[in-house]
PDB file of all heavy atoms in Angstrom:
ATOM      1  N   GLU A   1       0.360   9.149   7.287  1.00  0.00           N
ATOM      2  CA  GLU A   1      -0.748   9.870   7.895  1.00  0.00           C
ATOM      3  C   GLU A   1      -0.250  10.916   8.886  1.00  0.00           C
ATOM      4  O   GLU A   1      -0.761  12.040   8.940  1.00  0.00           O
ATOM      5  CB  GLU A   1      -1.690   8.895   8.607  1.00  0.00           C
ATOM      6  CG  GLU A   1      -2.910   9.568   9.237  1.00  0.00           C
ATOM      7  CD  GLU A   1      -3.843   8.566   9.896  1.00  0.00           C
ATOM      8  OE1 GLU A   1      -3.504   8.071  10.987  1.00  0.00           O
ATOM      9  OE2 GLU A   1      -4.890   8.261   9.309  1.00  0.00           O
ATOM     10  N   ALA A   2       0.757  10.564   9.683  1.00  0.00           N
ATOM     11  CA  ALA A   2       1.276  11.485  10.686  1.00  0.00           C
ATOM     12  C   ALA A   2       2.056  12.643  10.064  1.00  0.00           C
ATOM     13  O   ALA A   2       2.038  13.760  10.594  1.00  0.00           O
ATOM     14  CB  ALA A   2       2.168  10.733  11.678  1.00  0.00           C
ATOM     15  N   ARG A   3       2.740  12.343   8.946  1.00  0.00           N
ATOM     16  CA  ARG A   3       3.545  13.372   8.282  1.00  0.00           C
ATOM     17  C   ARG A   3       3.181  13.445   6.798  1.00  0.00           C
ATOM     18  O   ARG A   3       3.925  12.980   5.930  1.00  0.00           O
ATOM     19  CB  ARG A   3       5.032  13.050   8.445  1.00  0.00           C
ATOM     20  CG  ARG A   3       5.585  13.233   9.834  1.00  0.00           C
ATOM     21  CD  ARG A   3       5.667  14.693  10.238  1.00  0.00           C
ATOM     22  NE  ARG A   3       6.410  15.508   9.292  1.00  0.00           N
ATOM     23  CZ  ARG A   3       7.748  15.690   9.336  1.00  0.00           C
ATOM     24  NH1 ARG A   3       8.456  15.098  10.280  1.00  0.00           N
ATOM     25  NH2 ARG A   3       8.340  16.468   8.444  1.00  0.00           N
ATOM     26  N   PRO A   4       2.034  14.054   6.481  1.00  0.00           N
ATOM     27  CA  PRO A   4       1.628  14.145   5.069  1.00  0.00           C
ATOM     28  C   PRO A   4       2.552  15.030   4.236  1.00  0.00           C
ATOM     29  O   PRO A   4       2.468  15.011   3.000  1.00  0.00           O
ATOM     30  CB  PRO A   4       0.217  14.734   5.152  1.00  0.00           C
ATOM     31  CG  PRO A   4       0.168  15.438   6.469  1.00  0.00           C
ATOM     32  CD  PRO A   4       1.024  14.617   7.386  1.00  0.00           C
ATOM     33  N   ASP A   5       3.419  15.772   4.904  1.00  0.00           N
ATOM     34  CA  ASP A   5       4.363  16.628   4.175  1.00  0.00           C
ATOM     35  C   ASP A   5       5.572  15.855   3.665  1.00  0.00           C
ATOM     36  O   ASP A   5       6.361  16.378   2.856  1.00  0.00           O
ATOM     37  CB  ASP A   5       4.842  17.764   5.077  1.00  0.00           C
ATOM     38  CG  ASP A   5       5.524  17.259   6.340  1.00  0.00           C
ATOM     39  OD1 ASP A   5       5.060  16.249   6.907  1.00  0.00           O
ATOM     40  OD2 ASP A   5       6.519  17.881   6.758  1.00  0.00           O
ATOM     41  N   LEU A   6       5.732  14.593   4.115  1.00  0.00           N
ATOM     42  CA  LEU A   6       6.856  13.785   3.668  1.00  0.00           C
ATOM     43  C   LEU A   6       6.471  12.919   2.471  1.00  0.00           C
ATOM     44  O   LEU A   6       5.286  12.669   2.228  1.00  0.00           O
ATOM     45  CB  LEU A   6       7.337  12.869   4.797  1.00  0.00           C
ATOM     46  CG  LEU A   6       7.871  13.550   6.062  1.00  0.00           C
ATOM     47  CD1 LEU A   6       8.253  12.502   7.093  1.00  0.00           C
ATOM     48  CD2 LEU A   6       9.052  14.458   5.743  1.00  0.00           C
ATOM     49  N   ARG A   7       7.465  12.458   1.761  1.00  0.00           N
ATOM     50  CA  ARG A   7       7.253  11.529   0.648  1.00  0.00           C
ATOM     51  C   ARG A   7       7.572  10.121   1.165  1.00  0.00           C
ATOM     52  O   ARG A   7       8.708   9.835   1.542  1.00  0.00           O
ATOM     53  CB  ARG A   7       8.153  11.882  -0.531  1.00  0.00           C
ATOM     54  CG  ARG A   7       7.970  10.981  -1.742  1.00  0.00           C
ATOM     55  CD  ARG A   7       8.728  11.533  -2.952  1.00  0.00           C
ATOM     56  NE  ARG A   7       8.555  10.674  -4.115  1.00  0.00           N
ATOM     57  CZ  ARG A   7       9.433   9.742  -4.508  1.00  0.00           C
ATOM     58  NH1 ARG A   7      10.559   9.594  -3.834  1.00  0.00           N
ATOM     59  NH2 ARG A   7       9.193   8.998  -5.563  1.00  0.00           N
ATOM     60  N   VAL A   8       6.555   9.262   1.194  1.00  0.00           N
ATOM     61  CA  VAL A   8       6.730   7.899   1.694  1.00  0.00           C
ATOM     62  C   VAL A   8       6.766   6.936   0.510  1.00  0.00           C
ATOM     63  O   VAL A   8       5.883   6.955  -0.356  1.00  0.00           O
ATOM     64  CB  VAL A   8       5.603   7.509   2.665  1.00  0.00           C
ATOM     65  CG1 VAL A   8       5.785   6.067   3.145  1.00  0.00           C
ATOM     66  CG2 VAL A   8       5.596   8.454   3.861  1.00  0.00           C
ATOM     67  N   VAL A   9       7.798   6.085   0.498  1.00  0.00           N
ATOM     68  CA  VAL A   9       8.022   5.143  -0.602  1.00  0.00           C
ATOM     69  C   VAL A   9       8.199   3.750  -0.016  1.00  0.00           C
ATOM     70  O   VAL A   9       8.784   3.590   1.062  1.00  0.00           O
ATOM     71  CB  VAL A   9       9.277   5.533  -1.413  1.00  0.00           C
ATOM     72  CG1 VAL A   9       9.537   4.525  -2.528  1.00  0.00           C
ATOM     73  CG2 VAL A   9       9.135   6.936  -1.976  1.00  0.00           C
ATOM     74  N   MET A  10       7.676   2.729  -0.706  1.00  0.00           N
ATOM     75  CA  MET A  10       7.873   1.343  -0.302  1.00  0.00           C
ATOM     76  C   MET A  10       8.629   0.592  -1.394  1.00  0.00           C
ATOM     77  O   MET A  10       8.393   0.818  -2.586  1.00  0.00           O
ATOM     78  CB  MET A  10       6.534   0.641  -0.039  1.00  0.00           C
ATOM     79  CG  MET A  10       5.728   1.222   1.096  1.00  0.00           C
ATOM     80  SD  MET A  10       4.200   0.269   1.397  1.00  0.00           S
ATOM     81  CE  MET A  10       4.881  -1.261   2.068  1.00  0.00           C
ATOM     82  N   ALA A  11       9.521  -0.310  -0.972  1.00  0.00           N
ATOM     83  CA  ALA A  11      10.245  -1.165  -1.911  1.00  0.00           C
ATOM     84  C   ALA A  11      10.164  -2.595  -1.403  1.00  0.00           C
ATOM     85  O   ALA A  11      10.623  -2.891  -0.295  1.00  0.00           O
ATOM     86  CB  ALA A  11      11.702  -0.727  -2.034  1.00  0.00           C
ATOM     87  N   ALA A  12       9.557  -3.483  -2.201  1.00  0.00           N
ATOM     88  CA  ALA A  12       9.363  -4.869  -1.780  1.00  0.00           C
ATOM     89  C   ALA A  12       9.918  -5.821  -2.825  1.00  0.00           C
ATOM     90  O   ALA A  12       9.779  -5.589  -4.030  1.00  0.00           O
ATOM     91  CB  ALA A  12       7.883  -5.156  -1.563  1.00  0.00           C
ATOM     92  N   ARG A  13      10.551  -6.894  -2.354  1.00  0.00           N
ATOM     93  CA  ARG A  13      11.114  -7.876  -3.282  1.00  0.00           C
ATOM     94  C   ARG A  13      10.019  -8.524  -4.111  1.00  0.00           C
ATOM     95  O   ARG A  13      10.192  -8.797  -5.289  1.00  0.00           O
ATOM     96  CB  ARG A  13      11.884  -8.941  -2.490  1.00  0.00           C
ATOM     97  CG  ARG A  13      12.508 -10.015  -3.370  1.00  0.00           C
ATOM     98  CD  ARG A  13      13.416 -10.905  -2.563  1.00  0.00           C
ATOM     99  NE  ARG A  13      12.699 -11.539  -1.451  1.00  0.00           N
ATOM    100  CZ  ARG A  13      13.283 -12.313  -0.544  1.00  0.00           C
ATOM    101  NH1 ARG A  13      14.585 -12.525  -0.588  1.00  0.00           N
ATOM    102  NH2 ARG A  13      12.563 -12.865   0.419  1.00  0.00           N
ATOM    103  N   GLY A  14       8.870  -8.781  -3.496  1.00  0.00           N
ATOM    104  CA  GLY A  14       7.732  -9.341  -4.221  1.00  0.00           C
ATOM    105  C   GLY A  14       6.632  -8.324  -4.340  1.00  0.00           C
ATOM    106  O   GLY A  14       6.875  -7.153  -4.635  1.00  0.00           O
ATOM    107  N   GLY A  15       5.395  -8.765  -4.080  1.00  0.00           N
ATOM    108  CA  GLY A  15       4.275  -7.843  -4.088  1.00  0.00           C
ATOM    109  C   GLY A  15       4.012  -7.313  -2.695  1.00  0.00           C
ATOM    110  O   GLY A  15       4.524  -7.835  -1.707  1.00  0.00           O
ATOM    111  N   VAL A  16       3.207  -6.280  -2.609  1.00  0.00           N
ATOM    112  CA  VAL A  16       2.827  -5.699  -1.324  1.00  0.00           C
ATOM    113  C   VAL A  16       1.369  -6.078  -1.043  1.00  0.00           C
ATOM    114  O   VAL A  16       0.464  -5.671  -1.761  1.00  0.00           O
ATOM    115  CB  VAL A  16       2.981  -4.166  -1.332  1.00  0.00           C
ATOM    116  CG1 VAL A  16       2.491  -3.575  -0.014  1.00  0.00           C
ATOM    117  CG2 VAL A  16       4.433  -3.781  -1.578  1.00  0.00           C
ATOM    118  N   GLY A  17       1.175  -6.896  -0.020  1.00  0.00           N
ATOM    119  CA  GLY A  17      -0.172  -7.336   0.327  1.00  0.00           C
ATOM    120  C   GLY A  17      -0.804  -8.252  -0.702  1.00  0.00           C
ATOM    121  O   GLY A  17      -2.032  -8.407  -0.723  1.00  0.00           O
ATOM    122  N   ASP A  18       0.025  -8.906  -1.534  1.00  0.00           N
ATOM    123  CA  ASP A  18      -0.536  -9.711  -2.617  1.00  0.00           C
ATOM    124  C   ASP A  18      -1.119 -11.041  -2.152  1.00  0.00           C
ATOM    125  O   ASP A  18      -1.703 -11.776  -2.941  1.00  0.00           O
ATOM    126  CB  ASP A  18       0.513  -9.947  -3.710  1.00  0.00           C
ATOM    127  CG  ASP A  18       1.781 -10.591  -3.173  1.00  0.00           C
ATOM    128  OD1 ASP A  18       1.884 -10.797  -1.951  1.00  0.00           O
ATOM    129  OD2 ASP A  18       2.680 -10.879  -3.992  1.00  0.00           O
ATOM    130  N   TRP A  19      -0.977 -11.373  -0.879  1.00  0.00           N
ATOM    131  CA  TRP A  19      -1.574 -12.584  -0.333  1.00  0.00           C
ATOM    132  C   TRP A  19      -3.025 -12.363   0.094  1.00  0.00           C
ATOM    133  O   TRP A  19      -3.758 -13.313   0.365  1.00  0.00           O
ATOM    134  CB  TRP A  19      -0.765 -13.071   0.867  1.00  0.00           C
ATOM    135  CG  TRP A  19      -0.870 -12.149   2.041  1.00  0.00           C
ATOM    136  CD1 TRP A  19      -1.768 -12.219   3.072  1.00  0.00           C
ATOM    137  CD2 TRP A  19      -0.079 -10.981   2.304  1.00  0.00           C
ATOM    138  NE1 TRP A  19      -1.576 -11.182   3.961  1.00  0.00           N
ATOM    139  CE2 TRP A  19      -0.544 -10.413   3.506  1.00  0.00           C
ATOM    140  CE3 TRP A  19       0.987 -10.367   1.634  1.00  0.00           C
ATOM    141  CZ2 TRP A  19       0.022  -9.260   4.048  1.00  0.00           C
ATOM    142  CZ3 TRP A  19       1.549  -9.223   2.181  1.00  0.00           C
ATOM    143  CH2 TRP A  19       1.072  -8.678   3.374  1.00  0.00           C
ATOM    144  N   LEU A  20      -3.456 -11.108   0.155  1.00  0.00           N
ATOM    145  CA  LEU A  20      -4.796 -10.768   0.615  1.00  0.00           C
ATOM    146  C   LEU A  20      -5.846 -11.092  -0.443  1.00  0.00           C
ATOM    147  O   LEU A  20      -5.529 -11.234  -1.636  1.00  0.00           O
ATOM    148  CB  LEU A  20      -4.864  -9.283   0.958  1.00  0.00           C
ATOM    149  CG  LEU A  20      -3.957  -8.789   2.091  1.00  0.00           C
ATOM    150  CD1 LEU A  20      -3.914  -7.265   2.100  1.00  0.00           C
ATOM    151  CD2 LEU A  20      -4.430  -9.323   3.432  1.00  0.00           C
ATOM    152  N   HIS A  21      -7.103 -11.187  -0.013  1.00  0.00           N
ATOM    153  CA  HIS A  21      -8.197 -11.344  -0.955  1.00  0.00           C
ATOM    154  C   HIS A  21      -8.261 -10.125  -1.859  1.00  0.00           C
ATOM    155  O   HIS A  21      -7.845  -9.025  -1.468  1.00  0.00           O
ATOM    156  CB  HIS A  21      -9.522 -11.527  -0.204  1.00  0.00           C
ATOM    157  CG  HIS A  21     -10.681 -11.837  -1.092  1.00  0.00           C
ATOM    158  ND1 HIS A  21     -11.476 -10.857  -1.652  1.00  0.00           N
ATOM    159  CD2 HIS A  21     -11.186 -13.024  -1.526  1.00  0.00           C
ATOM    160  CE1 HIS A  21     -12.419 -11.432  -2.383  1.00  0.00           C
ATOM    161  NE2 HIS A  21     -12.262 -12.741  -2.333  1.00  0.00           N
ATOM    162  N   GLU A  22      -8.797 -10.280  -3.049  1.00  0.00           N
ATOM    163  CA  GLU A  22      -8.788  -9.194  -4.037  1.00  0.00           C
ATOM    164  C   GLU A  22      -9.503  -7.945  -3.528  1.00  0.00           C
ATOM    165  O   GLU A  22      -9.115  -6.818  -3.859  1.00  0.00           O
ATOM    166  CB  GLU A  22      -9.421  -9.664  -5.345  1.00  0.00           C
ATOM    167  CG  GLU A  22     -10.841 -10.181  -5.220  1.00  0.00           C
ATOM    168  CD  GLU A  22     -11.381 -10.737  -6.529  1.00  0.00           C
ATOM    169  OE1 GLU A  22     -10.576 -10.994  -7.438  1.00  0.00           O
ATOM    170  OE2 GLU A  22     -12.614 -10.906  -6.623  1.00  0.00           O
ATOM    171  N   LYS A  23     -10.543  -8.111  -2.690  1.00  0.00           N
ATOM    172  CA  LYS A  23     -11.222  -6.934  -2.134  1.00  0.00           C
ATOM    173  C   LYS A  23     -10.275  -6.155  -1.217  1.00  0.00           C
ATOM    174  O   LYS A  23     -10.254  -4.919  -1.221  1.00  0.00           O
ATOM    175  CB  LYS A  23     -12.475  -7.360  -1.367  1.00  0.00           C
ATOM    176  CG  LYS A  23     -13.604  -7.874  -2.231  1.00  0.00           C
ATOM    177  CD  LYS A  23     -14.860  -8.120  -1.409  1.00  0.00           C
ATOM    178  CE  LYS A  23     -14.692  -9.240  -0.424  1.00  0.00           C
ATOM    179  NZ  LYS A  23     -15.959  -9.570   0.289  1.00  0.00           N
ATOM    180  N   ALA A  24      -9.520  -6.887  -0.419  1.00  0.00           N
ATOM    181  CA  ALA A  24      -8.563  -6.242   0.480  1.00  0.00           C
ATOM    182  C   ALA A  24      -7.428  -5.599  -0.309  1.00  0.00           C
ATOM    183  O   ALA A  24      -6.964  -4.501   0.037  1.00  0.00           O
ATOM    184  CB  ALA A  24      -8.019  -7.256   1.476  1.00  0.00           C
ATOM    185  N   GLN A  25      -6.983  -6.255  -1.354  1.00  0.00           N
ATOM    186  CA  GLN A  25      -5.914  -5.684  -2.184  1.00  0.00           C
ATOM    187  C   GLN A  25      -6.352  -4.367  -2.813  1.00  0.00           C
ATOM    188  O   GLN A  25      -5.582  -3.394  -2.853  1.00  0.00           O
ATOM    189  CB  GLN A  25      -5.497  -6.677  -3.274  1.00  0.00           C
ATOM    190  CG  GLN A  25      -4.760  -7.899  -2.748  1.00  0.00           C
ATOM    191  CD  GLN A  25      -4.205  -8.751  -3.882  1.00  0.00           C
ATOM    192  OE1 GLN A  25      -3.623  -8.244  -4.843  1.00  0.00           O
ATOM    193  NE2 GLN A  25      -4.382 -10.062  -3.777  1.00  0.00           N
ATOM    194  N   ALA A  26      -7.581  -4.332  -3.301  1.00  0.00           N
ATOM    195  CA  ALA A  26      -8.088  -3.104  -3.914  1.00  0.00           C
ATOM    196  C   ALA A  26      -8.169  -1.981  -2.887  1.00  0.00           C
ATOM    197  O   ALA A  26      -7.829  -0.820  -3.168  1.00  0.00           O
ATOM    198  CB  ALA A  26      -9.456  -3.363  -4.538  1.00  0.00           C
ATOM    199  N   HIS A  27      -8.603  -2.313  -1.681  1.00  0.00           N
ATOM    200  CA  HIS A  27      -8.692  -1.309  -0.620  1.00  0.00           C
ATOM    201  C   HIS A  27      -7.302  -0.804  -0.243  1.00  0.00           C
ATOM    202  O   HIS A  27      -7.109   0.397   0.001  1.00  0.00           O
ATOM    203  CB  HIS A  27      -9.382  -1.904   0.604  1.00  0.00           C
ATOM    204  CG  HIS A  27      -9.672  -0.906   1.678  1.00  0.00           C
ATOM    205  ND1 HIS A  27     -10.779  -0.083   1.654  1.00  0.00           N
ATOM    206  CD2 HIS A  27      -8.982  -0.572   2.811  1.00  0.00           C
ATOM    207  CE1 HIS A  27     -10.768   0.706   2.716  1.00  0.00           C
ATOM    208  NE2 HIS A  27      -9.687   0.421   3.432  1.00  0.00           N
ATOM    209  N   LEU A  28      -6.341  -1.710  -0.211  1.00  0.00           N
ATOM    210  CA  LEU A  28      -4.970  -1.333   0.126  1.00  0.00           C
ATOM    211  C   LEU A  28      -4.398  -0.380  -0.920  1.00  0.00           C
ATOM    212  O   LEU A  28      -3.775   0.639  -0.572  1.00  0.00           O
ATOM    213  CB  LEU A  28      -4.096  -2.592   0.236  1.00  0.00           C
ATOM    214  CG  LEU A  28      -2.625  -2.369   0.576  1.00  0.00           C
ATOM    215  CD1 LEU A  28      -2.481  -1.688   1.931  1.00  0.00           C
ATOM    216  CD2 LEU A  28      -1.877  -3.711   0.566  1.00  0.00           C
ATOM    217  N   ARG A  29      -4.616  -0.683  -2.191  1.00  0.00           N
ATOM    218  CA  ARG A  29      -4.113   0.202  -3.255  1.00  0.00           C
ATOM    219  C   ARG A  29      -4.750   1.593  -3.155  1.00  0.00           C
ATOM    220  O   ARG A  29      -4.079   2.614  -3.363  1.00  0.00           O
ATOM    221  CB  ARG A  29      -4.402  -0.413  -4.630  1.00  0.00           C
ATOM    222  CG  ARG A  29      -3.536  -1.632  -4.951  1.00  0.00           C
ATOM    223  CD  ARG A  29      -3.651  -2.013  -6.418  1.00  0.00           C
ATOM    224  NE  ARG A  29      -4.998  -2.451  -6.774  1.00  0.00           N
ATOM    225  CZ  ARG A  29      -5.421  -3.704  -6.705  1.00  0.00           C
ATOM    226  NH1 ARG A  29      -4.593  -4.665  -6.293  1.00  0.00           N
ATOM    227  NH2 ARG A  29      -6.649  -4.029  -7.049  1.00  0.00           N
ATOM    228  N   ALA A  30      -6.035   1.623  -2.818  1.00  0.00           N
ATOM    229  CA  ALA A  30      -6.719   2.909  -2.670  1.00  0.00           C
ATOM    230  C   ALA A  30      -6.132   3.701  -1.504  1.00  0.00           C
ATOM    231  O   ALA A  30      -5.996   4.935  -1.570  1.00  0.00           O
ATOM    232  CB  ALA A  30      -8.215   2.690  -2.478  1.00  0.00           C
ATOM    233  N   ALA A  31      -5.789   3.000  -0.427  1.00  0.00           N
ATOM    234  CA  ALA A  31      -5.190   3.673   0.730  1.00  0.00           C
ATOM    235  C   ALA A  31      -3.829   4.240   0.371  1.00  0.00           C
ATOM    236  O   ALA A  31      -3.496   5.382   0.747  1.00  0.00           O
ATOM    237  CB  ALA A  31      -5.073   2.699   1.898  1.00  0.00           C
ATOM    238  N   PHE A  32      -3.032   3.471  -0.357  1.00  0.00           N
ATOM    239  CA  PHE A  32      -1.727   3.978  -0.786  1.00  0.00           C
ATOM    240  C   PHE A  32      -1.887   5.236  -1.636  1.00  0.00           C
ATOM    241  O   PHE A  32      -1.137   6.214  -1.481  1.00  0.00           O
ATOM    242  CB  PHE A  32      -0.984   2.913  -1.587  1.00  0.00           C
ATOM    243  CG  PHE A  32      -0.434   1.775  -0.759  1.00  0.00           C
ATOM    244  CD1 PHE A  32      -0.181   0.536  -1.333  1.00  0.00           C
ATOM    245  CD2 PHE A  32      -0.158   1.945   0.589  1.00  0.00           C
ATOM    246  CE1 PHE A  32       0.338  -0.501  -0.582  1.00  0.00           C
ATOM    247  CE2 PHE A  32       0.352   0.906   1.360  1.00  0.00           C
ATOM    248  CZ  PHE A  32       0.602  -0.321   0.763  1.00  0.00           C
ATOM    249  N   GLU A  33      -2.866   5.213  -2.521  1.00  0.00           N
ATOM    250  CA  GLU A  33      -3.094   6.376  -3.380  1.00  0.00           C
ATOM    251  C   GLU A  33      -3.551   7.575  -2.550  1.00  0.00           C
ATOM    252  O   GLU A  33      -3.109   8.710  -2.783  1.00  0.00           O
ATOM    253  CB  GLU A  33      -4.145   6.037  -4.443  1.00  0.00           C
ATOM    254  CG  GLU A  33      -4.387   7.157  -5.442  1.00  0.00           C
ATOM    255  CD  GLU A  33      -5.357   6.747  -6.535  1.00  0.00           C
ATOM    256  OE1 GLU A  33      -5.681   5.543  -6.640  1.00  0.00           O
ATOM    257  OE2 GLU A  33      -5.795   7.640  -7.295  1.00  0.00           O
TER     258      GLU A  33
END
């Protein structure tokens, strides 16, 4: 958000936020997009 000109990448051994309820997971994916 602070630097929209940069390319931000995440690398996780497992899932990202996969412990959250499905509604929260969907919101998280939308935010990443």
